[in-house]
Amino acid sequence: QVQLVESGGGLVQAGGSLRLSCAASGRFFRIELMRWYRQAPGKERELVAAITRSAFTNYSNFVKGRFTISRDNANNMLYLQMNSLKPENTAVYYCNAETIRLGGGVGDYWGQGTQVTVSS
C-alpha cells in the first residue's frame, strides 16, 4: 500500500524551469523503480524518465537533455528537474512507483498527476 503525492506543477513561461516532486508514503518493503510519465490532451500517456533504486536512469528522446530525474531513497522522494521548458512539454505529469511489498511480490502505484503548463 503506497500513496504518491506530487507537487511542483504550475504555469511557467517558455525557457523557464520547474522541479516536480513526488513523495511516497505507506507500508512497503522497498521502492525499486520510479518513473515520470506525461499525458497531453488527446494523447496517450508516455514515459518521460525512469530511475532505479541504485540511481540508474533512462530518458525518453523528447527530453533531449533538458530534464533530470533523481531520487532520495532515505526520504522516499522522486524529483524531475525540468529546464528550458517548451510549450510542447505542457501535460499532466504522473509519478509511478514499483515496489517490493512487505509480504513479497511487486506493487505498482500511480500518483494523482500534476499539471505543467508552458506558455509561449
PDB file of N, CA and C in Angstrom:
ATOM      1  N   GLN A   1       0.826  -1.175   0.000  1.00  0.00           N
ATOM      2  CA  GLN A   1       0.000   0.000   0.000  1.00  0.00           C
ATOM      3  C   GLN A   1       0.874   1.243   0.000  1.00  0.00           C
ATOM      4  N   VAL A   2       0.829   1.947  -1.117  1.00  0.00           N
ATOM      5  CA  VAL A   2       1.678   3.112  -1.317  1.00  0.00           C
ATOM      6  C   VAL A   2       0.822   4.264  -1.817  1.00  0.00           C
ATOM      7  N   GLN A   3       1.066   5.425  -1.262  1.00  0.00           N
ATOM      8  CA  GLN A   3       0.459   6.645  -1.745  1.00  0.00           C
ATOM      9  C   GLN A   3       1.547   7.546  -2.321  1.00  0.00           C
ATOM     10  N   LEU A   4       1.275   8.123  -3.477  1.00  0.00           N
ATOM     11  CA  LEU A   4       2.208   9.014  -4.137  1.00  0.00           C
ATOM     12  C   LEU A   4       1.564  10.389  -4.241  1.00  0.00           C
ATOM     13  N   VAL A   5       2.207  11.387  -3.668  1.00  0.00           N
ATOM     14  CA  VAL A   5       1.693  12.746  -3.655  1.00  0.00           C
ATOM     15  C   VAL A   5       2.663  13.640  -4.402  1.00  0.00           C
ATOM     16  N   GLU A   6       2.172  14.280  -5.447  1.00  0.00           N
ATOM     17  CA  GLU A   6       3.003  15.088  -6.314  1.00  0.00           C
ATOM     18  C   GLU A   6       2.821  16.566  -6.015  1.00  0.00           C
ATOM     19  N   SER A   7       3.849  17.334  -6.327  1.00  0.00           N
ATOM     20  CA  SER A   7       3.802  18.772  -6.182  1.00  0.00           C
ATOM     21  C   SER A   7       4.794  19.396  -7.152  1.00  0.00           C
ATOM     22  N   GLY A   8       4.694  20.689  -7.338  1.00  0.00           N
ATOM     23  CA  GLY A   8       5.649  21.422  -8.147  1.00  0.00           C
ATOM     24  C   GLY A   8       5.169  21.831  -9.517  1.00  0.00           C
ATOM     25  N   GLY A   9       4.020  21.330  -9.941  1.00  0.00           N
ATOM     26  CA  GLY A   9       3.491  21.739 -11.226  1.00  0.00           C
ATOM     27  C   GLY A   9       2.984  23.163 -11.185  1.00  0.00           C
ATOM     28  N   GLY A  10       2.716  23.701 -12.356  1.00  0.00           N
ATOM     29  CA  GLY A  10       2.214  25.056 -12.436  1.00  0.00           C
ATOM     30  C   GLY A  10       2.381  25.633 -13.817  1.00  0.00           C
ATOM     31  N   LEU A  11       2.244  26.938 -13.892  1.00  0.00           N
ATOM     32  CA  LEU A  11       2.352  27.683 -15.137  1.00  0.00           C
ATOM     33  C   LEU A  11       3.707  28.370 -15.201  1.00  0.00           C
ATOM     34  N   VAL A  12       4.404  28.182 -16.304  1.00  0.00           N
ATOM     35  CA  VAL A  12       5.724  28.769 -16.472  1.00  0.00           C
ATOM     36  C   VAL A  12       5.883  29.220 -17.919  1.00  0.00           C
ATOM     37  N   GLN A  13       6.677  30.247 -18.122  1.00  0.00           N
ATOM     38  CA  GLN A  13       6.957  30.721 -19.470  1.00  0.00           C
ATOM     39  C   GLN A  13       7.969  29.825 -20.166  1.00  0.00           C
ATOM     40  N   ALA A  14       7.903  29.798 -21.486  1.00  0.00           N
ATOM     41  CA  ALA A  14       8.879  29.046 -22.261  1.00  0.00           C
ATOM     42  C   ALA A  14      10.295  29.473 -21.889  1.00  0.00           C
ATOM     43  N   GLY A  15      11.167  28.488 -21.748  1.00  0.00           N
ATOM     44  CA  GLY A  15      12.529  28.739 -21.330  1.00  0.00           C
ATOM     45  C   GLY A  15      12.736  28.664 -19.834  1.00  0.00           C
ATOM     46  N   GLY A  16      11.658  28.618 -19.082  1.00  0.00           N
ATOM     47  CA  GLY A  16      11.747  28.556 -17.641  1.00  0.00           C
ATOM     48  C   GLY A  16      11.964  27.143 -17.131  1.00  0.00           C
ATOM     49  N   SER A  17      11.953  27.013 -15.810  1.00  0.00           N
ATOM     50  CA  SER A  17      12.229  25.744 -15.162  1.00  0.00           C
ATOM     51  C   SER A  17      11.185  25.442 -14.102  1.00  0.00           C
ATOM     52  N   LEU A  18      10.976  24.161 -13.865  1.00  0.00           N
ATOM     53  CA  LEU A  18      10.157  23.675 -12.774  1.00  0.00           C
ATOM     54  C   LEU A  18      10.810  22.428 -12.211  1.00  0.00           C
ATOM     55  N   ARG A  19      10.591  22.184 -10.929  1.00  0.00           N
ATOM     56  CA  ARG A  19      11.005  20.928 -10.331  1.00  0.00           C
ATOM     57  C   ARG A  19       9.788  20.240  -9.735  1.00  0.00           C
ATOM     58  N   LEU A  20       9.460  19.081 -10.283  1.00  0.00           N
ATOM     59  CA  LEU A  20       8.373  18.279  -9.767  1.00  0.00           C
ATOM     60  C   LEU A  20       8.876  17.370  -8.658  1.00  0.00           C
ATOM     61  N   SER A  21       8.052  17.181  -7.643  1.00  0.00           N
ATOM     62  CA  SER A  21       8.381  16.297  -6.536  1.00  0.00           C
ATOM     63  C   SER A  21       7.286  15.264  -6.374  1.00  0.00           C
ATOM     64  N   CYS A  22       7.671  14.089  -5.933  1.00  0.00           N
ATOM     65  CA  CYS A  22       6.737  13.011  -5.646  1.00  0.00           C
ATOM     66  C   CYS A  22       7.147  12.373  -4.335  1.00  0.00           C
ATOM     67  N   ALA A  23       6.268  12.418  -3.355  1.00  0.00           N
ATOM     68  CA  ALA A  23       6.525  11.851  -2.043  1.00  0.00           C
ATOM     69  C   ALA A  23       5.775  10.535  -1.899  1.00  0.00           C
ATOM     70  N   ALA A  24       6.496   9.472  -1.609  1.00  0.00           N
ATOM     71  CA  ALA A  24       5.904   8.155  -1.422  1.00  0.00           C
ATOM     72  C   ALA A  24       5.730   7.873   0.062  1.00  0.00           C
ATOM     73  N   SER A  25       4.584   7.355   0.425  1.00  0.00           N
ATOM     74  CA  SER A  25       4.319   7.002   1.805  1.00  0.00           C
ATOM     75  C   SER A  25       3.480   5.735   1.855  1.00  0.00           C
ATOM     76  N   GLY A  26       3.344   5.188   3.044  1.00  0.00           N
ATOM     77  CA  GLY A  26       2.584   3.970   3.226  1.00  0.00           C
ATOM     78  C   GLY A  26       3.455   2.858   3.771  1.00  0.00           C
ATOM     79  N   ARG A  27       3.001   1.648   3.583  1.00  0.00           N
ATOM     80  CA  ARG A  27       3.719   0.485   4.086  1.00  0.00           C
ATOM     81  C   ARG A  27       4.198  -0.350   2.907  1.00  0.00           C
ATOM     82  N   PHE A  28       5.502  -0.501   2.827  1.00  0.00           N
ATOM     83  CA  PHE A  28       6.120  -1.278   1.770  1.00  0.00           C
ATOM     84  C   PHE A  28       7.512  -1.667   2.220  1.00  0.00           C
ATOM     85  N   PHE A  29       8.068  -2.670   1.569  1.00  0.00           N
ATOM     86  CA  PHE A  29       9.417  -3.088   1.902  1.00  0.00           C
ATOM     87  C   PHE A  29      10.454  -2.164   1.268  1.00  0.00           C
ATOM     88  N   ARG A  30      10.287  -1.899  -0.024  1.00  0.00           N
ATOM     89  CA  ARG A  30      11.271  -1.090  -0.726  1.00  0.00           C
ATOM     90  C   ARG A  30      10.697  -0.637  -2.061  1.00  0.00           C
ATOM     91  N   ILE A  31      11.055   0.557  -2.463  1.00  0.00           N
ATOM     92  CA  ILE A  31      10.713   1.050  -3.790  1.00  0.00           C
ATOM     93  C   ILE A  31      11.878   0.755  -4.717  1.00  0.00           C
ATOM     94  N   GLU A  32      11.619  -0.034  -5.748  1.00  0.00           N
ATOM     95  CA  GLU A  32      12.690  -0.447  -6.637  1.00  0.00           C
ATOM     96  C   GLU A  32      12.877   0.506  -7.803  1.00  0.00           C
ATOM     97  N   LEU A  33      11.788   0.898  -8.436  1.00  0.00           N
ATOM     98  CA  LEU A  33      11.834   1.688  -9.659  1.00  0.00           C
ATOM     99  C   LEU A  33      10.818   2.816  -9.564  1.00  0.00           C
ATOM    100  N   MET A  34      11.215   3.994 -10.001  1.00  0.00           N
ATOM    101  CA  MET A  34      10.307   5.122 -10.039  1.00  0.00           C
ATOM    102  C   MET A  34      10.382   5.771 -11.416  1.00  0.00           C
ATOM    103  N   ARG A  35       9.244   6.261 -11.877  1.00  0.00           N
ATOM    104  CA  ARG A  35       9.149   6.825 -13.216  1.00  0.00           C
ATOM    105  C   ARG A  35       8.302   8.090 -13.195  1.00  0.00           C
ATOM    106  N   TRP A  36       8.574   8.938 -14.159  1.00  0.00           N
ATOM    107  CA  TRP A  36       7.685  10.037 -14.501  1.00  0.00           C
ATOM    108  C   TRP A  36       7.073   9.769 -15.870  1.00  0.00           C
ATOM    109  N   TYR A  37       5.767   9.915 -15.962  1.00  0.00           N
ATOM    110  CA  TYR A  37       5.036   9.859 -17.209  1.00  0.00           C
ATOM    111  C   TYR A  37       4.382  11.206 -17.471  1.00  0.00           C
ATOM    112  N   ARG A  38       3.972  11.420 -18.708  1.00  0.00           N
ATOM    113  CA  ARG A  38       3.200  12.605 -19.029  1.00  0.00           C
ATOM    114  C   ARG A  38       2.047  12.232 -19.952  1.00  0.00           C
ATOM    115  N   GLN A  39       0.996  13.038 -19.914  1.00  0.00           N
ATOM    116  CA  GLN A  39      -0.141  12.839 -20.795  1.00  0.00           C
ATOM    117  C   GLN A  39      -0.710  14.194 -21.181  1.00  0.00           C
ATOM    118  N   ALA A  40      -0.678  14.479 -22.464  1.00  0.00           N
ATOM    119  CA  ALA A  40      -1.270  15.687 -23.008  1.00  0.00           C
ATOM    120  C   ALA A  40      -2.691  15.387 -23.466  1.00  0.00           C
ATOM    121  N   PRO A  41      -3.540  16.405 -23.574  1.00  0.00           N
ATOM    122  CA  PRO A  41      -4.918  16.171 -24.012  1.00  0.00           C
ATOM    123  C   PRO A  41      -4.976  15.457 -25.357  1.00  0.00           C
ATOM    124  N   GLY A  42      -5.775  14.405 -25.423  1.00  0.00           N
ATOM    125  CA  GLY A  42      -5.921  13.653 -26.651  1.00  0.00           C
ATOM    126  C   GLY A  42      -4.773  12.728 -26.980  1.00  0.00           C
ATOM    127  N   LYS A  43      -3.786  12.631 -26.108  1.00  0.00           N
ATOM    128  CA  LYS A  43      -2.617  11.804 -26.358  1.00  0.00           C
ATOM    129  C   LYS A  43      -2.540  10.676 -25.337  1.00  0.00           C
ATOM    130  N   GLU A  44      -1.806   9.631 -25.684  1.00  0.00           N
ATOM    131  CA  GLU A  44      -1.573   8.542 -24.755  1.00  0.00           C
ATOM    132  C   GLU A  44      -0.550   8.948 -23.707  1.00  0.00           C
ATOM    133  N   ARG A  45      -0.654   8.341 -22.559  1.00  0.00           N
ATOM    134  CA  ARG A  45       0.342   8.545 -21.525  1.00  0.00           C
ATOM    135  C   ARG A  45       1.667   7.945 -21.987  1.00  0.00           C
ATOM    136  N   GLU A  46       2.753   8.682 -21.794  1.00  0.00           N
ATOM    137  CA  GLU A  46       4.046   8.231 -22.266  1.00  0.00           C
ATOM    138  C   GLU A  46       5.112   8.442 -21.205  1.00  0.00           C
ATOM    139  N   LEU A  47       6.112   7.596 -21.255  1.00  0.00           N
ATOM    140  CA  LEU A  47       7.199   7.646 -20.290  1.00  0.00           C
ATOM    141  C   LEU A  47       8.097   8.841 -20.552  1.00  0.00           C
ATOM    142  N   VAL A  48       8.438   9.552 -19.496  1.00  0.00           N
ATOM    143  CA  VAL A  48       9.387  10.651 -19.568  1.00  0.00           C
ATOM    144  C   VAL A  48      10.773  10.192 -19.135  1.00  0.00           C
ATOM    145  N   ALA A  49      10.855   9.590 -17.962  1.00  0.00           N
ATOM    146  CA  ALA A  49      12.138   9.161 -17.426  1.00  0.00           C
ATOM    147  C   ALA A  49      11.910   8.119 -16.348  1.00  0.00           C
ATOM    148  N   ALA A  50      12.929   7.316 -16.096  1.00  0.00           N
ATOM    149  CA  ALA A  50      12.873   6.281 -15.077  1.00  0.00           C
ATOM    150  C   ALA A  50      14.178   6.257 -14.312  1.00  0.00           C
ATOM    151  N   ILE A  51      14.099   5.809 -13.066  1.00  0.00           N
ATOM    152  CA  ILE A  51      15.293   5.723 -12.231  1.00  0.00           C
ATOM    153  C   ILE A  51      15.167   4.534 -11.297  1.00  0.00           C
ATOM    154  N   THR A  52      16.228   3.743 -11.205  1.00  0.00           N
ATOM    155  CA  THR A  52      16.251   2.607 -10.303  1.00  0.00           C
ATOM    156  C   THR A  52      16.666   3.050  -8.910  1.00  0.00           C
ATOM    157  N   ARG A  53      16.580   2.122  -7.959  1.00  0.00           N
ATOM    158  CA  ARG A  53      16.989   2.440  -6.599  1.00  0.00           C
ATOM    159  C   ARG A  53      18.467   2.792  -6.525  1.00  0.00           C
ATOM    160  N   SER A  54      19.263   2.188  -7.390  1.00  0.00           N
ATOM    161  CA  SER A  54      20.690   2.463  -7.425  1.00  0.00           C
ATOM    162  C   SER A  54      21.034   3.672  -8.289  1.00  0.00           C
ATOM    163  N   ALA A  55      20.007   4.397  -8.744  1.00  0.00           N
ATOM    164  CA  ALA A  55      20.154   5.663  -9.464  1.00  0.00           C
ATOM    165  C   ALA A  55      20.555   5.506 -10.927  1.00  0.00           C
ATOM    166  N   PHE A  56      20.369   4.331 -11.489  1.00  0.00           N
ATOM    167  CA  PHE A  56      20.477   4.198 -12.935  1.00  0.00           C
ATOM    168  C   PHE A  56      19.278   4.885 -13.575  1.00  0.00           C
ATOM    169  N   THR A  57      19.514   5.696 -14.592  1.00  0.00           N
ATOM    170  CA  THR A  57      18.454   6.487 -15.210  1.00  0.00           C
ATOM    171  C   THR A  57      18.280   6.156 -16.676  1.00  0.00           C
ATOM    172  N   ASN A  58      17.078   6.415 -17.152  1.00  0.00           N
ATOM    173  CA  ASN A  58      16.749   6.255 -18.557  1.00  0.00           C
ATOM    174  C   ASN A  58      15.784   7.370 -18.935  1.00  0.00           C
ATOM    175  N   TYR A  59      16.028   8.015 -20.073  1.00  0.00           N
ATOM    176  CA  TYR A  59      15.233   9.156 -20.504  1.00  0.00           C
ATOM    177  C   TYR A  59      14.627   8.906 -21.871  1.00  0.00           C
ATOM    178  N   SER A  60      13.420   9.386 -22.068  1.00  0.00           N
ATOM    179  CA  SER A  60      12.812   9.378 -23.381  1.00  0.00           C
ATOM    180  C   SER A  60      13.500  10.415 -24.260  1.00  0.00           C
ATOM    181  N   ASN A  61      13.445  10.177 -25.565  1.00  0.00           N
ATOM    182  CA  ASN A  61      14.176  11.032 -26.501  1.00  0.00           C
ATOM    183  C   ASN A  61      13.697  12.478 -26.476  1.00  0.00           C
ATOM    184  N   PHE A  62      12.412  12.705 -26.238  1.00  0.00           N
ATOM    185  CA  PHE A  62      11.901  14.070 -26.306  1.00  0.00           C
ATOM    186  C   PHE A  62      12.396  14.950 -25.172  1.00  0.00           C
ATOM    187  N   VAL A  63      13.015  14.353 -24.156  1.00  0.00           N
ATOM    188  CA  VAL A  63      13.602  15.150 -23.079  1.00  0.00           C
ATOM    189  C   VAL A  63      14.804  15.939 -23.585  1.00  0.00           C
ATOM    190  N   LYS A  64      15.578  15.335 -24.461  1.00  0.00           N
ATOM    191  CA  LYS A  64      16.699  15.972 -25.154  1.00  0.00           C
ATOM    192  C   LYS A  64      17.685  16.656 -24.218  1.00  0.00           C
ATOM    193  N   GLY A  65      17.977  16.011 -23.089  1.00  0.00           N
ATOM    194  CA  GLY A  65      18.974  16.513 -22.177  1.00  0.00           C
ATOM    195  C   GLY A  65      18.519  17.645 -21.281  1.00  0.00           C
ATOM    196  N   ARG A  66      17.279  18.056 -21.358  1.00  0.00           N
ATOM    197  CA  ARG A  66      16.783  19.196 -20.592  1.00  0.00           C
ATOM    198  C   ARG A  66      16.228  18.824 -19.222  1.00  0.00           C
ATOM    199  N   PHE A  67      15.858  17.558 -19.050  1.00  0.00           N
ATOM    200  CA  PHE A  67      15.257  17.109 -17.793  1.00  0.00           C
ATOM    201  C   PHE A  67      16.217  16.193 -17.056  1.00  0.00           C
ATOM    202  N   THR A  68      16.120  16.193 -15.733  1.00  0.00           N
ATOM    203  CA  THR A  68      16.913  15.304 -14.902  1.00  0.00           C
ATOM    204  C   THR A  68      16.014  14.642 -13.864  1.00  0.00           C
ATOM    205  N   ILE A  69      16.023  13.317 -13.846  1.00  0.00           N
ATOM    206  CA  ILE A  69      15.286  12.577 -12.839  1.00  0.00           C
ATOM    207  C   ILE A  69      16.240  12.199 -11.713  1.00  0.00           C
ATOM    208  N   SER A  70      15.767  12.281 -10.485  1.00  0.00           N
ATOM    209  CA  SER A  70      16.581  11.919  -9.340  1.00  0.00           C
ATOM    210  C   SER A  70      15.681  11.399  -8.235  1.00  0.00           C
ATOM    211  N   ARG A  71      16.276  10.786  -7.228  1.00  0.00           N
ATOM    212  CA  ARG A  71      15.504  10.278  -6.107  1.00  0.00           C
ATOM    213  C   ARG A  71      16.313  10.360  -4.832  1.00  0.00           C
ATOM    214  N   ASP A  72      15.598  10.425  -3.727  1.00  0.00           N
ATOM    215  CA  ASP A  72      16.174  10.439  -2.399  1.00  0.00           C
ATOM    216  C   ASP A  72      15.587   9.230  -1.678  1.00  0.00           C
ATOM    217  N   ASN A  73      16.352   8.150  -1.633  1.00  0.00           N
ATOM    218  CA  ASN A  73      15.832   6.910  -1.073  1.00  0.00           C
ATOM    219  C   ASN A  73      15.520   7.026   0.414  1.00  0.00           C
ATOM    220  N   ALA A  74      16.328   7.782   1.143  1.00  0.00           N
ATOM    221  CA  ALA A  74      16.131   7.911   2.577  1.00  0.00           C
ATOM    222  C   ALA A  74      14.795   8.564   2.901  1.00  0.00           C
ATOM    223  N   ASN A  75      14.339   9.456   2.037  1.00  0.00           N
ATOM    224  CA  ASN A  75      13.090  10.175   2.267  1.00  0.00           C
ATOM    225  C   ASN A  75      11.971   9.746   1.326  1.00  0.00           C
ATOM    226  N   ASN A  76      12.208   8.718   0.529  1.00  0.00           N
ATOM    227  CA  ASN A  76      11.211   8.200  -0.407  1.00  0.00           C
ATOM    228  C   ASN A  76      10.664   9.294  -1.311  1.00  0.00           C
ATOM    229  N   MET A  77      11.578  10.058  -1.889  1.00  0.00           N
ATOM    230  CA  MET A  77      11.210  11.161  -2.754  1.00  0.00           C
ATOM    231  C   MET A  77      11.717  10.934  -4.174  1.00  0.00           C
ATOM    232  N   LEU A  78      10.943  11.369  -5.127  1.00  0.00           N
ATOM    233  CA  LEU A  78      11.295  11.371  -6.539  1.00  0.00           C
ATOM    234  C   LEU A  78      11.188  12.791  -7.065  1.00  0.00           C
ATOM    235  N   TYR A  79      12.119  13.163  -7.928  1.00  0.00           N
ATOM    236  CA  TYR A  79      12.142  14.513  -8.472  1.00  0.00           C
ATOM    237  C   TYR A  79      12.293  14.478  -9.984  1.00  0.00           C
ATOM    238  N   LEU A  80      11.803  15.519 -10.616  1.00  0.00           N
ATOM    239  CA  LEU A  80      12.050  15.748 -12.033  1.00  0.00           C
ATOM    240  C   LEU A  80      12.378  17.219 -12.205  1.00  0.00           C
ATOM    241  N   GLN A  81      13.635  17.508 -12.474  1.00  0.00           N
ATOM    242  CA  GLN A  81      14.063  18.867 -12.759  1.00  0.00           C
ATOM    243  C   GLN A  81      13.874  19.124 -14.244  1.00  0.00           C
ATOM    244  N   MET A  82      13.065  20.101 -14.571  1.00  0.00           N
ATOM    245  CA  MET A  82      12.731  20.420 -15.954  1.00  0.00           C
ATOM    246  C   MET A  82      13.266  21.804 -16.277  1.00  0.00           C
ATOM    247  N   ASN A  83      14.214  21.859 -17.187  1.00  0.00           N
ATOM    248  CA  ASN A  83      14.817  23.113 -17.611  1.00  0.00           C
ATOM    249  C   ASN A  83      14.501  23.377 -19.076  1.00  0.00           C
ATOM    250  N   SER A  84      14.652  24.625 -19.475  1.00  0.00           N
ATOM    251  CA  SER A  84      14.417  25.026 -20.862  1.00  0.00           C
ATOM    252  C   SER A  84      13.078  24.517 -21.368  1.00  0.00           C
ATOM    253  N   LEU A  85      12.051  24.757 -20.602  1.00  0.00           N
ATOM    254  CA  LEU A  85      10.736  24.222 -20.924  1.00  0.00           C
ATOM    255  C   LEU A  85      10.184  24.825 -22.209  1.00  0.00           C
ATOM    256  N   LYS A  86       9.458  24.000 -22.932  1.00  0.00           N
ATOM    257  CA  LYS A  86       8.838  24.381 -24.188  1.00  0.00           C
ATOM    258  C   LYS A  86       7.334  24.171 -24.099  1.00  0.00           C
ATOM    259  N   PRO A  87       6.555  24.893 -24.916  1.00  0.00           N
ATOM    260  CA  PRO A  87       5.104  24.685 -24.878  1.00  0.00           C
ATOM    261  C   PRO A  87       4.694  23.236 -25.112  1.00  0.00           C
ATOM    262  N   GLU A  88       5.437  22.500 -25.921  1.00  0.00           N
ATOM    263  CA  GLU A  88       5.098  21.111 -26.169  1.00  0.00           C
ATOM    264  C   GLU A  88       5.316  20.208 -24.963  1.00  0.00           C
ATOM    265  N   ASN A  89       5.945  20.724 -23.911  1.00  0.00           N
ATOM    266  CA  ASN A  89       6.067  19.978 -22.669  1.00  0.00           C
ATOM    267  C   ASN A  89       4.811  20.063 -21.806  1.00  0.00           C
ATOM    268  N   THR A  90       3.857  20.867 -22.212  1.00  0.00           N
ATOM    269  CA  THR A  90       2.611  21.007 -21.466  1.00  0.00           C
ATOM    270  C   THR A  90       1.888  19.667 -21.399  1.00  0.00           C
ATOM    271  N   ALA A  91       1.582  19.229 -20.193  1.00  0.00           N
ATOM    272  CA  ALA A  91       0.931  17.939 -19.982  1.00  0.00           C
ATOM    273  C   ALA A  91       0.664  17.771 -18.497  1.00  0.00           C
ATOM    274  N   VAL A  92      -0.089  16.734 -18.176  1.00  0.00           N
ATOM    275  CA  VAL A  92      -0.190  16.269 -16.805  1.00  0.00           C
ATOM    276  C   VAL A  92       0.931  15.268 -16.587  1.00  0.00           C
ATOM    277  N   TYR A  93       1.706  15.479 -15.548  1.00  0.00           N
ATOM    278  CA  TYR A  93       2.831  14.613 -15.238  1.00  0.00           C
ATOM    279  C   TYR A  93       2.480  13.719 -14.058  1.00  0.00           C
ATOM    280  N   TYR A  94       2.742  12.427 -14.215  1.00  0.00           N
ATOM    281  CA  TYR A  94       2.380  11.423 -13.222  1.00  0.00           C
ATOM    282  C   TYR A  94       3.617  10.744 -12.662  1.00  0.00           C
ATOM    283  N   CYS A  95       3.602  10.531 -11.373  1.00  0.00           N
ATOM    284  CA  CYS A  95       4.623   9.757 -10.686  1.00  0.00           C
ATOM    285  C   CYS A  95       4.182   8.302 -10.613  1.00  0.00           C
ATOM    286  N   ASN A  96       5.109   7.398 -10.850  1.00  0.00           N
ATOM    287  CA  ASN A  96       4.850   5.966 -10.789  1.00  0.00           C
ATOM    288  C   ASN A  96       5.931   5.295  -9.962  1.00  0.00           C
ATOM    289  N   ALA A  97       5.532   4.329  -9.138  1.00  0.00           N
ATOM    290  CA  ALA A  97       6.482   3.607  -8.299  1.00  0.00           C
ATOM    291  C   ALA A  97       6.225   2.117  -8.368  1.00  0.00           C
ATOM    292  N   GLU A  98       7.282   1.366  -8.539  1.00  0.00           N
ATOM    293  CA  GLU A  98       7.244  -0.086  -8.478  1.00  0.00           C
ATOM    294  C   GLU A  98       7.910  -0.510  -7.180  1.00  0.00           C
ATOM    295  N   THR A  99       7.181  -1.248  -6.361  1.00  0.00           N
ATOM    296  CA  THR A  99       7.658  -1.563  -5.024  1.00  0.00           C
ATOM    297  C   THR A  99       7.742  -3.058  -4.797  1.00  0.00           C
ATOM    298  N   ILE A 100       8.551  -3.417  -3.805  1.00  0.00           N
ATOM    299  CA  ILE A 100       8.520  -4.745  -3.230  1.00  0.00           C
ATOM    300  C   ILE A 100       7.607  -4.663  -2.015  1.00  0.00           C
ATOM    301  N   ARG A 101       6.546  -5.432  -2.003  1.00  0.00           N
ATOM    302  CA  ARG A 101       5.590  -5.402  -0.914  1.00  0.00           C
ATOM    303  C   ARG A 101       6.151  -6.074   0.328  1.00  0.00           C
ATOM    304  N   LEU A 102       5.580  -5.733   1.467  1.00  0.00           N
ATOM    305  CA  LEU A 102       6.025  -6.316   2.729  1.00  0.00           C
ATOM    306  C   LEU A 102       5.917  -7.835   2.711  1.00  0.00           C
ATOM    307  N   GLY A 103       4.876  -8.345   2.104  1.00  0.00           N
ATOM    308  CA  GLY A 103       4.689  -9.787   2.022  1.00  0.00           C
ATOM    309  C   GLY A 103       5.307 -10.419   0.795  1.00  0.00           C
ATOM    310  N   GLY A 104       6.102  -9.664   0.071  1.00  0.00           N
ATOM    311  CA  GLY A 104       6.706 -10.149  -1.154  1.00  0.00           C
ATOM    312  C   GLY A 104       5.869  -9.768  -2.359  1.00  0.00           C
ATOM    313  N   GLY A 105       6.448  -9.916  -3.508  1.00  0.00           N
ATOM    314  CA  GLY A 105       5.765  -9.558  -4.730  1.00  0.00           C
ATOM    315  C   GLY A 105       5.954  -8.098  -5.085  1.00  0.00           C
ATOM    316  N   VAL A 106       5.491  -7.732  -6.255  1.00  0.00           N
ATOM    317  CA  VAL A 106       5.684  -6.406  -6.812  1.00  0.00           C
ATOM    318  C   VAL A 106       4.372  -5.638  -6.788  1.00  0.00           C
ATOM    319  N   GLY A 107       4.445  -4.400  -6.335  1.00  0.00           N
ATOM    320  CA  GLY A 107       3.318  -3.489  -6.400  1.00  0.00           C
ATOM    321  C   GLY A 107       3.603  -2.363  -7.374  1.00  0.00           C
ATOM    322  N   ASP A 108       2.563  -1.847  -8.010  1.00  0.00           N
ATOM    323  CA  ASP A 108       2.696  -0.771  -8.988  1.00  0.00           C
ATOM    324  C   ASP A 108       1.681   0.308  -8.638  1.00  0.00           C
ATOM    325  N   TYR A 109       2.154   1.546  -8.462  1.00  0.00           N
ATOM    326  CA  TYR A 109       1.310   2.618  -7.960  1.00  0.00           C
ATOM    327  C   TYR A 109       1.497   3.879  -8.783  1.00  0.00           C
ATOM    328  N   TRP A 110       0.451   4.709  -8.784  1.00  0.00           N
ATOM    329  CA  TRP A 110       0.438   5.954  -9.534  1.00  0.00           C
ATOM    330  C   TRP A 110       0.044   7.120  -8.650  1.00  0.00           C
ATOM    331  N   GLY A 111       0.644   8.267  -8.926  1.00  0.00           N
ATOM    332  CA  GLY A 111       0.214   9.497  -8.304  1.00  0.00           C
ATOM    333  C   GLY A 111      -1.003  10.068  -9.003  1.00  0.00           C
ATOM    334  N   GLN A 112      -1.490  11.174  -8.478  1.00  0.00           N
ATOM    335  CA  GLN A 112      -2.712  11.787  -8.995  1.00  0.00           C
ATOM    336  C   GLN A 112      -2.475  12.635 -10.233  1.00  0.00           C
ATOM    337  N   GLY A 113      -1.241  12.961 -10.505  1.00  0.00           N
ATOM    338  CA  GLY A 113      -0.895  13.816 -11.628  1.00  0.00           C
ATOM    339  C   GLY A 113      -0.819  15.274 -11.222  1.00  0.00           C
ATOM    340  N   THR A 114       0.102  15.994 -11.826  1.00  0.00           N
ATOM    341  CA  THR A 114       0.228  17.421 -11.593  1.00  0.00           C
ATOM    342  C   THR A 114       0.360  18.127 -12.938  1.00  0.00           C
ATOM    343  N   GLN A 115      -0.366  19.218 -13.092  1.00  0.00           N
ATOM    344  CA  GLN A 115      -0.423  19.919 -14.362  1.00  0.00           C
ATOM    345  C   GLN A 115       0.798  20.805 -14.543  1.00  0.00           C
ATOM    346  N   VAL A 116       1.438  20.666 -15.695  1.00  0.00           N
ATOM    347  CA  VAL A 116       2.514  21.555 -16.110  1.00  0.00           C
ATOM    348  C   VAL A 116       2.060  22.265 -17.373  1.00  0.00           C
ATOM    349  N   THR A 117       2.022  23.580 -17.322  1.00  0.00           N
ATOM    350  CA  THR A 117       1.618  24.377 -18.471  1.00  0.00           C
ATOM    351  C   THR A 117       2.732  25.355 -18.812  1.00  0.00           C
ATOM    352  N   VAL A 118       3.202  25.288 -20.044  1.00  0.00           N
ATOM    353  CA  VAL A 118       4.279  26.157 -20.512  1.00  0.00           C
ATOM    354  C   VAL A 118       3.692  27.113 -21.535  1.00  0.00           C
ATOM    355  N   SER A 119       3.753  28.382 -21.248  1.00  0.00           N
ATOM    356  CA  SER A 119       3.201  29.395 -22.128  1.00  0.00           C
ATOM    357  C   SER A 119       4.261  29.916 -23.079  1.00  0.00           C
ATOM    358  N   SER A 120       3.820  30.393 -24.229  1.00  0.00           N
ATOM    359  CA  SER A 120       4.722  30.968 -25.223  1.00  0.00           C
ATOM    360  C   SER A 120       4.465  32.444 -25.426  1.00  0.00           C
TER     361      SER A 120
END
